[in-house]
Amino acid sequence: QVQLVESGGGLVQAGGSLRLSCAASGRSFSNIAMGWFRQAPGKDREFVAAIRWSGGRTYYAEAVKDRFSISGDGAENTVYLQMNSLKPEDTAIYLCAVSTPETWSVLRWYDSASMYEYWGQGTQVTVSS
């Protein structure tokens, strides 16, 4: 199986920055795209950002566009999420996910959780006001 481990979360004041990392390991697999989702208590899982390896195109939720930046490494098994100008409403558990040929669909966009086959356990981000 594939394991994803997120790191870099923590407590930061509003206006501060954090950089999250997600590393995938395990058996070989086809990696079409990797993405970040977040989930706050009492709320549904929310799409944050994604990167498609072919072409390196990136996608962002409107709530984080111009503040967050997603990037990956050359091995296409690690993604980063640079988060700037953090707001209290950014507080959530941030989860990393991998999209494979099994789950990727031309009928969905990257904000759909069903596009992703493997998920990490998440890392907590808390932004104080």
Protein backbone atom coordinates (compact mmCIF):
# COMPACT_ATOMS: atom_id res chain seq x y z
CA GLN A 1 0.00 0.00 0.00
CA VAL A 2 0.90 3.67 -0.18
CA GLN A 3 1.54 5.79 2.88
CA LEU A 4 1.36 9.56 3.01
CA VAL A 5 2.83 11.52 5.89
CA GLU A 6 2.13 15.20 6.40
CA SER A 7 4.28 17.51 8.47
CA GLY A 8 4.84 21.18 9.15
CA GLY A 9 1.66 22.06 10.96
CA GLY A 10 1.58 24.05 14.14
CA LEU A 11 0.33 27.14 15.90
CA VAL A 12 0.83 30.51 14.26
CA GLN A 13 -0.55 34.00 14.73
CA ALA A 14 -2.81 35.57 12.14
CA GLY A 15 -0.75 36.98 9.32
CA GLY A 16 2.00 34.43 9.80
CA SER A 17 3.20 31.63 7.55
CA LEU A 18 3.61 27.87 7.59
CA ARG A 19 4.99 25.39 5.08
CA LEU A 20 3.41 21.94 4.98
CA SER A 21 5.06 18.88 3.48
CA CYS A 22 3.59 15.60 2.31
CA ALA A 23 5.75 12.60 1.43
CA ALA A 24 4.37 9.48 -0.23
CA SER A 25 6.06 6.11 0.14
CA GLY A 26 5.42 2.40 -0.28
CA ARG A 27 4.74 0.27 -3.32
CA SER A 28 5.03 1.82 -6.73
CA PHE A 29 1.94 3.52 -8.00
CA SER A 30 0.83 5.82 -10.77
CA ASN A 31 0.58 9.35 -9.44
CA ILE A 32 -1.51 11.65 -11.62
CA ALA A 33 -1.93 14.45 -9.12
CA MET A 34 -1.55 15.29 -5.46
CA GLY A 35 -3.71 17.61 -3.47
CA TRP A 36 -4.36 19.21 -0.14
CA PHE A 37 -7.69 19.21 1.66
CA ARG A 38 -8.61 20.57 5.06
CA GLN A 39 -11.29 19.80 7.59
CA ALA A 40 -12.35 21.90 10.54
CA PRO A 41 -14.54 20.60 13.39
CA GLY A 42 -18.17 20.41 12.33
CA LYS A 43 -17.39 21.18 8.71
CA ASP A 44 -17.07 19.11 5.55
CA ARG A 45 -13.74 18.29 4.03
CA GLU A 46 -12.70 21.24 1.87
CA PHE A 47 -10.42 21.36 -1.14
CA VAL A 48 -7.39 23.62 -0.77
CA ALA A 49 -4.98 23.07 -3.66
CA ALA A 50 -3.72 20.46 -6.10
CA ILE A 51 -0.93 19.92 -8.58
CA ARG A 52 -1.10 17.76 -11.70
CA TRP A 53 2.29 16.29 -12.44
CA SER A 54 1.86 16.32 -16.20
CA GLY A 55 2.57 19.95 -17.01
CA GLY A 56 2.81 20.99 -13.38
CA ARG A 57 -0.51 22.80 -13.46
CA THR A 58 -1.84 23.95 -10.12
CA TYR A 59 -5.34 24.53 -8.84
CA TYR A 60 -6.57 26.50 -5.84
CA ALA A 61 -9.72 27.08 -3.89
CA GLU A 62 -10.88 30.68 -4.02
CA ALA A 63 -10.49 30.99 -0.26
CA VAL A 64 -6.73 30.46 -0.45
CA LYS A 65 -5.85 31.72 -3.90
CA ASP A 66 -3.06 34.34 -3.82
CA ARG A 67 -2.13 33.32 -0.26
CA PHE A 68 -1.19 29.65 -0.61
CA SER A 69 1.15 28.02 -3.10
CA ILE A 70 1.47 24.32 -3.90
CA SER A 71 4.62 22.80 -5.36
CA GLY A 72 6.25 19.42 -5.80
CA ASP A 73 9.63 17.78 -6.10
CA GLY A 74 11.18 16.13 -9.14
CA ALA A 75 10.39 12.63 -7.89
CA GLU A 76 6.67 13.44 -7.95
CA ASN A 77 6.16 11.89 -4.54
CA THR A 78 6.34 14.96 -2.35
CA VAL A 79 4.24 18.10 -2.31
CA TYR A 80 4.48 21.28 -0.31
CA LEU A 81 1.94 23.87 0.67
CA GLN A 82 3.32 27.30 1.44
CA MET A 83 0.71 29.18 3.44
CA ASN A 84 1.09 32.92 3.86
CA SER A 85 -1.11 35.59 5.41
CA LEU A 86 -2.83 32.97 7.50
CA LYS A 87 -6.25 33.71 8.94
CA PRO A 88 -8.10 32.13 11.87
CA GLU A 89 -10.52 30.57 9.39
CA ASP A 90 -7.61 28.59 7.97
CA THR A 91 -7.53 26.56 11.18
CA ALA A 92 -8.10 22.91 10.32
CA ILE A 93 -6.50 19.53 9.91
CA TYR A 94 -4.75 19.56 6.55
CA LEU A 95 -4.70 16.29 4.65
CA CYS A 96 -2.63 15.26 1.68
CA ALA A 97 -3.99 12.97 -1.03
CA VAL A 98 -2.89 11.18 -4.20
CA SER A 99 -4.93 10.76 -7.37
CA THR A 100 -4.28 7.62 -9.42
CA PRO A 101 -5.64 6.28 -12.73
CA GLU A 102 -8.12 4.28 -10.63
CA THR A 103 -9.69 7.37 -9.10
CA TRP A 104 -8.94 10.16 -11.56
CA SER A 105 -11.90 11.05 -13.73
CA VAL A 106 -12.50 13.49 -16.54
CA LEU A 107 -16.01 13.88 -15.13
CA ARG A 108 -14.73 15.51 -11.93
CA TRP A 109 -12.51 18.43 -10.99
CA TYR A 110 -9.63 18.43 -8.54
CA ASP A 111 -11.79 19.67 -5.69
CA SER A 112 -13.64 16.34 -5.54
CA ALA A 113 -12.41 14.05 -2.78
CA SER A 114 -13.41 11.05 -4.89
CA MET A 115 -10.58 11.91 -7.30
CA TYR A 116 -8.04 10.74 -4.72
CA GLU A 117 -7.19 7.16 -3.77
CA TYR A 118 -4.65 7.56 -0.97
CA TRP A 119 -4.88 9.87 2.02
CA GLY A 120 -2.61 10.89 4.86
CA GLN A 121 -3.66 11.24 8.48
CA GLY A 122 -3.31 15.01 8.45
CA THR A 123 -1.42 17.72 10.26
CA GLN A 124 -3.03 20.31 12.51
CA VAL A 125 -2.82 23.99 11.60
CA THR A 126 -4.06 26.46 14.18
CA VAL A 127 -4.14 30.19 13.51
CA SER A 128 -4.73 32.46 16.47
CA SER A 129 -6.31 35.88 16.17
